[in-house]
Amino acid sequence: MSSIVALVIGIPMMVGIAWLVWYVWNNNRLLDARLANGDLELLDSTSYKVTEVIRAPAGSRVEKVAFQPMNIDMSGYVRQTLPDGRVALVPVAMNQEVRSVHSTTHTNQQPPFQ
């Protein structure tokens, strides 16, 4: 009699545990497939909470942009952090008096005359 009671209780519990394991495994598999395909609906999904995008595939974009003040030093350069983590000093013209700042990306460009 006790073995019948154990079977009546044990079999549904084993089926429930097996279904739960399959459900979690299948959801993880589907999420991996959606991430590999770059599904943008994941960002607005109520099922998943996106806190940070560390590395995104090529062509990705960020919708929410936070204001970052530009650090301009007196030499006429702005310090910018590149997407790969490097820091670059980008020349900018602060006013009409700063005429010695010119683009360094083209070697055929001559500095402006004073």
N, C-alpha and C. Protein backbone atom coordinates (compact mmCIF):
# COMPACT_ATOMS: atom_id res chain seq x y z
N MET A 1 0.81 -1.19 0.00
CA MET A 1 0.00 0.00 0.00
C MET A 1 0.86 1.26 0.00
N SER A 2 1.94 1.24 0.74
CA SER A 2 2.80 2.43 0.80
C SER A 2 3.54 2.65 -0.51
N SER A 3 3.82 1.57 -1.25
CA SER A 3 4.49 1.74 -2.54
C SER A 3 3.56 2.39 -3.57
N ILE A 4 2.28 2.12 -3.49
CA ILE A 4 1.32 2.74 -4.40
C ILE A 4 1.21 4.24 -4.09
N VAL A 5 1.17 4.60 -2.83
CA VAL A 5 1.10 6.00 -2.42
C VAL A 5 2.38 6.72 -2.87
N ALA A 6 3.53 6.05 -2.72
CA ALA A 6 4.80 6.65 -3.15
C ALA A 6 4.81 6.86 -4.66
N LEU A 7 4.27 5.93 -5.43
CA LEU A 7 4.19 6.08 -6.88
C LEU A 7 3.23 7.21 -7.27
N VAL A 8 2.10 7.30 -6.60
CA VAL A 8 1.11 8.33 -6.92
C VAL A 8 1.69 9.72 -6.64
N ILE A 9 2.48 9.84 -5.60
CA ILE A 9 3.08 11.14 -5.27
C ILE A 9 4.40 11.35 -6.03
N GLY A 10 5.20 10.31 -6.16
CA GLY A 10 6.54 10.42 -6.75
C GLY A 10 6.54 10.67 -8.24
N ILE A 11 5.67 9.97 -8.98
CA ILE A 11 5.66 10.12 -10.45
C ILE A 11 5.28 11.54 -10.87
N PRO A 12 4.21 12.13 -10.35
CA PRO A 12 3.91 13.52 -10.73
C PRO A 12 5.03 14.50 -10.32
N MET A 13 5.68 14.26 -9.18
CA MET A 13 6.77 15.14 -8.78
C MET A 13 7.96 15.01 -9.73
N MET A 14 8.27 13.79 -10.15
CA MET A 14 9.38 13.61 -11.10
C MET A 14 9.04 14.23 -12.45
N VAL A 15 7.80 14.10 -12.90
CA VAL A 15 7.38 14.72 -14.15
C VAL A 15 7.46 16.24 -14.03
N GLY A 16 7.02 16.79 -12.89
CA GLY A 16 7.09 18.24 -12.68
C GLY A 16 8.53 18.76 -12.66
N ILE A 17 9.43 18.04 -12.01
CA ILE A 17 10.83 18.45 -11.97
C ILE A 17 11.46 18.35 -13.36
N ALA A 18 11.14 17.27 -14.09
CA ALA A 18 11.68 17.11 -15.45
C ALA A 18 11.16 18.23 -16.36
N TRP A 19 9.88 18.58 -16.23
CA TRP A 19 9.33 19.66 -17.05
C TRP A 19 10.00 20.98 -16.69
N LEU A 20 10.24 21.27 -15.42
CA LEU A 20 10.88 22.51 -14.99
C LEU A 20 12.32 22.60 -15.53
N VAL A 21 13.06 21.50 -15.49
CA VAL A 21 14.42 21.49 -16.03
C VAL A 21 14.39 21.74 -17.53
N TRP A 22 13.47 21.09 -18.24
CA TRP A 22 13.36 21.30 -19.69
C TRP A 22 12.97 22.74 -20.00
N TYR A 23 12.05 23.33 -19.23
CA TYR A 23 11.59 24.69 -19.46
C TYR A 23 12.73 25.70 -19.31
N VAL A 24 13.53 25.55 -18.26
CA VAL A 24 14.66 26.46 -18.05
C VAL A 24 15.69 26.27 -19.16
N TRP A 25 15.99 25.03 -19.50
CA TRP A 25 16.97 24.76 -20.57
C TRP A 25 16.50 25.34 -21.91
N ASN A 26 15.23 25.17 -22.23
CA ASN A 26 14.69 25.67 -23.50
C ASN A 26 14.69 27.20 -23.53
N ASN A 27 14.32 27.86 -22.42
CA ASN A 27 14.37 29.32 -22.39
C ASN A 27 15.79 29.84 -22.57
N ASN A 28 16.77 29.20 -21.96
CA ASN A 28 18.16 29.61 -22.14
C ASN A 28 18.62 29.41 -23.58
N ARG A 29 18.19 28.33 -24.19
CA ARG A 29 18.54 28.06 -25.58
C ARG A 29 17.92 29.10 -26.51
N LEU A 30 16.66 29.45 -26.28
CA LEU A 30 15.99 30.46 -27.10
C LEU A 30 16.61 31.84 -26.89
N LEU A 31 16.99 32.17 -25.66
CA LEU A 31 17.63 33.45 -25.39
C LEU A 31 18.98 33.53 -26.08
N ASP A 32 19.77 32.46 -26.04
CA ASP A 32 21.05 32.45 -26.74
C ASP A 32 20.87 32.65 -28.24
N ALA A 33 19.84 32.03 -28.81
CA ALA A 33 19.57 32.18 -30.24
C ALA A 33 19.16 33.62 -30.57
N ARG A 34 18.34 34.23 -29.72
CA ARG A 34 17.92 35.62 -29.95
C ARG A 34 19.09 36.58 -29.81
N LEU A 35 19.97 36.33 -28.85
CA LEU A 35 21.16 37.17 -28.69
C LEU A 35 22.10 37.03 -29.88
N ALA A 36 22.26 35.81 -30.38
CA ALA A 36 23.13 35.58 -31.53
C ALA A 36 22.58 36.26 -32.78
N ASN A 37 21.26 36.37 -32.89
CA ASN A 37 20.64 37.03 -34.04
C ASN A 37 20.53 38.53 -33.86
N GLY A 38 20.87 39.05 -32.69
CA GLY A 38 20.81 40.49 -32.46
C GLY A 38 19.39 41.01 -32.38
N ASP A 39 18.50 40.28 -31.73
CA ASP A 39 17.10 40.66 -31.62
C ASP A 39 16.96 41.92 -30.76
N LEU A 40 16.51 43.04 -31.37
CA LEU A 40 16.37 44.30 -30.64
C LEU A 40 15.17 44.31 -29.70
N GLU A 41 14.23 43.39 -29.89
CA GLU A 41 13.07 43.34 -29.01
C GLU A 41 13.46 42.94 -27.59
N LEU A 42 14.63 42.34 -27.41
CA LEU A 42 15.07 41.97 -26.07
C LEU A 42 15.29 43.20 -25.19
N LEU A 43 15.65 44.34 -25.80
CA LEU A 43 15.89 45.54 -25.02
C LEU A 43 14.61 46.08 -24.38
N ASP A 44 13.46 45.88 -25.04
CA ASP A 44 12.18 46.37 -24.53
C ASP A 44 11.32 45.27 -23.93
N SER A 45 11.85 44.07 -23.82
CA SER A 45 11.07 42.93 -23.35
C SER A 45 10.77 43.06 -21.85
N THR A 46 9.57 42.65 -21.46
CA THR A 46 9.22 42.64 -20.05
C THR A 46 9.75 41.40 -19.35
N SER A 47 10.15 40.39 -20.11
CA SER A 47 10.66 39.16 -19.53
C SER A 47 12.12 39.27 -19.09
N TYR A 48 12.87 40.16 -19.72
CA TYR A 48 14.30 40.29 -19.43
C TYR A 48 14.60 41.73 -19.02
N LYS A 49 15.50 41.88 -18.06
CA LYS A 49 15.92 43.21 -17.62
C LYS A 49 17.35 43.42 -18.10
N VAL A 50 17.54 44.40 -18.98
CA VAL A 50 18.85 44.72 -19.51
C VAL A 50 19.43 45.84 -18.65
N THR A 51 20.53 45.55 -17.96
CA THR A 51 21.15 46.56 -17.11
C THR A 51 22.36 47.18 -17.78
N GLU A 52 23.05 46.43 -18.62
CA GLU A 52 24.26 46.95 -19.24
C GLU A 52 24.58 46.13 -20.48
N VAL A 53 25.00 46.81 -21.53
CA VAL A 53 25.47 46.13 -22.72
C VAL A 53 26.99 46.29 -22.73
N ILE A 54 27.69 45.18 -22.53
CA ILE A 54 29.14 45.25 -22.42
C ILE A 54 29.78 45.24 -23.79
N ARG A 55 29.46 44.25 -24.58
CA ARG A 55 29.97 44.17 -25.94
C ARG A 55 28.81 43.84 -26.85
N ALA A 56 28.56 44.72 -27.76
CA ALA A 56 27.44 44.54 -28.67
C ALA A 56 27.97 44.20 -30.06
N PRO A 57 27.20 43.49 -30.86
CA PRO A 57 27.64 43.16 -32.22
C PRO A 57 27.74 44.40 -33.11
N ALA A 58 28.44 44.25 -34.20
CA ALA A 58 28.62 45.36 -35.14
C ALA A 58 27.26 45.85 -35.62
N GLY A 59 27.11 47.16 -35.71
CA GLY A 59 25.84 47.74 -36.15
C GLY A 59 24.90 48.05 -35.01
N SER A 60 25.29 47.76 -33.77
CA SER A 60 24.43 48.04 -32.62
C SER A 60 24.36 49.54 -32.37
N ARG A 61 23.33 49.94 -31.68
CA ARG A 61 23.20 51.35 -31.35
C ARG A 61 22.67 51.48 -29.93
N VAL A 62 22.95 52.61 -29.34
CA VAL A 62 22.48 52.91 -27.99
C VAL A 62 21.44 54.01 -28.11
N GLU A 63 20.26 53.76 -27.60
CA GLU A 63 19.17 54.71 -27.72
C GLU A 63 19.24 55.79 -26.65
N LYS A 64 19.52 55.42 -25.42
CA LYS A 64 19.53 56.37 -24.32
C LYS A 64 20.95 56.92 -24.18
N VAL A 65 21.09 58.24 -24.37
CA VAL A 65 22.39 58.87 -24.32
C VAL A 65 22.43 59.82 -23.12
N ALA A 66 23.38 59.62 -22.26
CA ALA A 66 23.54 60.49 -21.10
C ALA A 66 24.47 61.65 -21.46
N PHE A 67 24.19 62.82 -20.94
CA PHE A 67 25.02 63.98 -21.20
C PHE A 67 26.36 63.83 -20.49
N GLN A 68 27.44 64.05 -21.23
CA GLN A 68 28.77 64.01 -20.66
C GLN A 68 29.45 65.34 -20.93
N PRO A 69 29.83 66.04 -19.89
CA PRO A 69 30.52 67.32 -20.13
C PRO A 69 31.87 67.08 -20.78
N MET A 70 32.23 67.99 -21.68
CA MET A 70 33.50 67.87 -22.39
C MET A 70 34.59 68.55 -21.58
N ASN A 71 35.68 67.83 -21.36
CA ASN A 71 36.81 68.38 -20.64
C ASN A 71 37.74 69.05 -21.64
N ILE A 72 37.69 70.39 -21.69
CA ILE A 72 38.53 71.15 -22.61
C ILE A 72 39.64 71.77 -21.80
N ASP A 73 40.87 71.42 -22.13
CA ASP A 73 41.98 72.08 -21.46
C ASP A 73 42.40 73.30 -22.27
N MET A 74 43.27 74.09 -21.74
CA MET A 74 43.63 75.36 -22.35
C MET A 74 44.46 75.20 -23.63
N SER A 75 44.94 74.01 -23.92
CA SER A 75 45.72 73.83 -25.14
C SER A 75 44.84 73.63 -26.37
N GLY A 76 43.53 73.56 -26.21
CA GLY A 76 42.63 73.43 -27.34
C GLY A 76 42.32 72.00 -27.72
N TYR A 77 42.44 71.07 -26.79
CA TYR A 77 42.15 69.67 -27.05
C TYR A 77 41.07 69.18 -26.11
N VAL A 78 40.25 68.26 -26.62
CA VAL A 78 39.21 67.63 -25.82
C VAL A 78 39.61 66.19 -25.59
N ARG A 79 39.53 65.75 -24.35
CA ARG A 79 39.87 64.37 -24.01
C ARG A 79 38.65 63.49 -24.26
N GLN A 80 38.76 62.51 -25.16
CA GLN A 80 37.66 61.61 -25.50
C GLN A 80 38.09 60.18 -25.24
N THR A 81 37.18 59.37 -24.68
CA THR A 81 37.43 57.95 -24.49
C THR A 81 36.84 57.21 -25.68
N LEU A 82 37.65 56.46 -26.38
CA LEU A 82 37.22 55.71 -27.55
C LEU A 82 36.48 54.45 -27.13
N PRO A 83 35.67 53.86 -28.03
CA PRO A 83 34.90 52.66 -27.66
C PRO A 83 35.76 51.50 -27.19
N ASP A 84 37.01 51.42 -27.64
CA ASP A 84 37.86 50.30 -27.22
C ASP A 84 38.60 50.60 -25.92
N GLY A 85 38.34 51.76 -25.29
CA GLY A 85 38.93 52.08 -24.00
C GLY A 85 40.12 53.02 -24.06
N ARG A 86 40.66 53.25 -25.25
CA ARG A 86 41.80 54.16 -25.36
C ARG A 86 41.32 55.60 -25.20
N VAL A 87 42.23 56.49 -24.86
CA VAL A 87 41.92 57.91 -24.68
C VAL A 87 42.58 58.68 -25.80
N ALA A 88 41.82 59.60 -26.42
CA ALA A 88 42.35 60.41 -27.52
C ALA A 88 42.16 61.88 -27.18
N LEU A 89 43.11 62.70 -27.59
CA LEU A 89 42.99 64.15 -27.47
C LEU A 89 42.61 64.68 -28.84
N VAL A 90 41.42 65.26 -28.94
CA VAL A 90 40.88 65.75 -30.20
C VAL A 90 41.00 67.27 -30.23
N PRO A 91 41.63 67.83 -31.27
CA PRO A 91 41.77 69.30 -31.31
C PRO A 91 40.45 69.98 -31.62
N VAL A 92 40.20 71.10 -30.93
CA VAL A 92 39.00 71.90 -31.17
C VAL A 92 39.40 73.37 -31.19
N ALA A 93 38.62 74.16 -31.90
CA ALA A 93 38.83 75.61 -31.92
C ALA A 93 37.92 76.20 -30.85
N MET A 94 38.52 76.83 -29.84
CA MET A 94 37.74 77.37 -28.72
C MET A 94 37.15 78.73 -29.06
N ASN A 95 37.89 79.58 -29.79
CA ASN A 95 37.39 80.89 -30.20
C ASN A 95 38.21 81.37 -31.39
N GLN A 96 38.01 82.60 -31.81
CA GLN A 96 38.70 83.12 -33.00
C GLN A 96 40.19 83.30 -32.77
N GLU A 97 40.63 83.47 -31.52
CA GLU A 97 42.04 83.71 -31.25
C GLU A 97 42.88 82.45 -31.42
N VAL A 98 42.27 81.29 -31.29
CA VAL A 98 43.02 80.04 -31.42
C VAL A 98 43.02 79.66 -32.89
N ARG A 99 44.08 79.97 -33.60
CA ARG A 99 44.17 79.67 -35.02
C ARG A 99 45.23 78.62 -35.31
N SER A 100 45.97 78.20 -34.30
CA SER A 100 47.04 77.23 -34.55
C SER A 100 46.55 75.79 -34.47
N VAL A 101 45.27 75.58 -34.11
CA VAL A 101 44.74 74.23 -34.04
C VAL A 101 44.29 73.81 -35.43
N HIS A 102 44.83 72.71 -35.92
CA HIS A 102 44.44 72.19 -37.23
C HIS A 102 44.37 70.68 -37.16
N SER A 103 43.75 70.11 -38.15
CA SER A 103 43.58 68.67 -38.17
C SER A 103 44.92 67.98 -38.40
N THR A 104 45.18 66.96 -37.60
CA THR A 104 46.41 66.19 -37.75
C THR A 104 46.16 64.87 -38.47
N THR A 105 44.94 64.67 -38.94
CA THR A 105 44.64 63.41 -39.61
C THR A 105 45.05 63.42 -41.07
N HIS A 106 45.15 64.60 -41.68
CA HIS A 106 45.57 64.70 -43.08
C HIS A 106 46.94 65.38 -43.13
N THR A 107 47.89 64.72 -43.77
CA THR A 107 49.24 65.27 -43.79
C THR A 107 49.39 66.38 -44.83
N ASN A 108 48.47 66.47 -45.80
CA ASN A 108 48.60 67.50 -46.83
C ASN A 108 47.95 68.82 -46.44
N GLN A 109 47.31 68.88 -45.26
CA GLN A 109 46.65 70.11 -44.83
C GLN A 109 47.69 71.00 -44.14
N GLN A 110 47.74 72.23 -44.55
CA GLN A 110 48.66 73.19 -43.97
C GLN A 110 48.00 73.93 -42.82
N PRO A 111 48.76 74.30 -41.78
CA PRO A 111 48.16 75.06 -40.70
C PRO A 111 47.73 76.43 -41.21
N PRO A 112 46.68 77.01 -40.63
CA PRO A 112 46.19 78.32 -41.08
C PRO A 112 47.22 79.41 -40.82
N PHE A 113 47.21 80.41 -41.69
CA PHE A 113 48.14 81.54 -41.54
C PHE A 113 47.65 82.48 -40.47
N GLN A 114 48.60 83.10 -39.76
CA GLN A 114 48.23 84.01 -38.68
C GLN A 114 48.29 85.44 -39.15
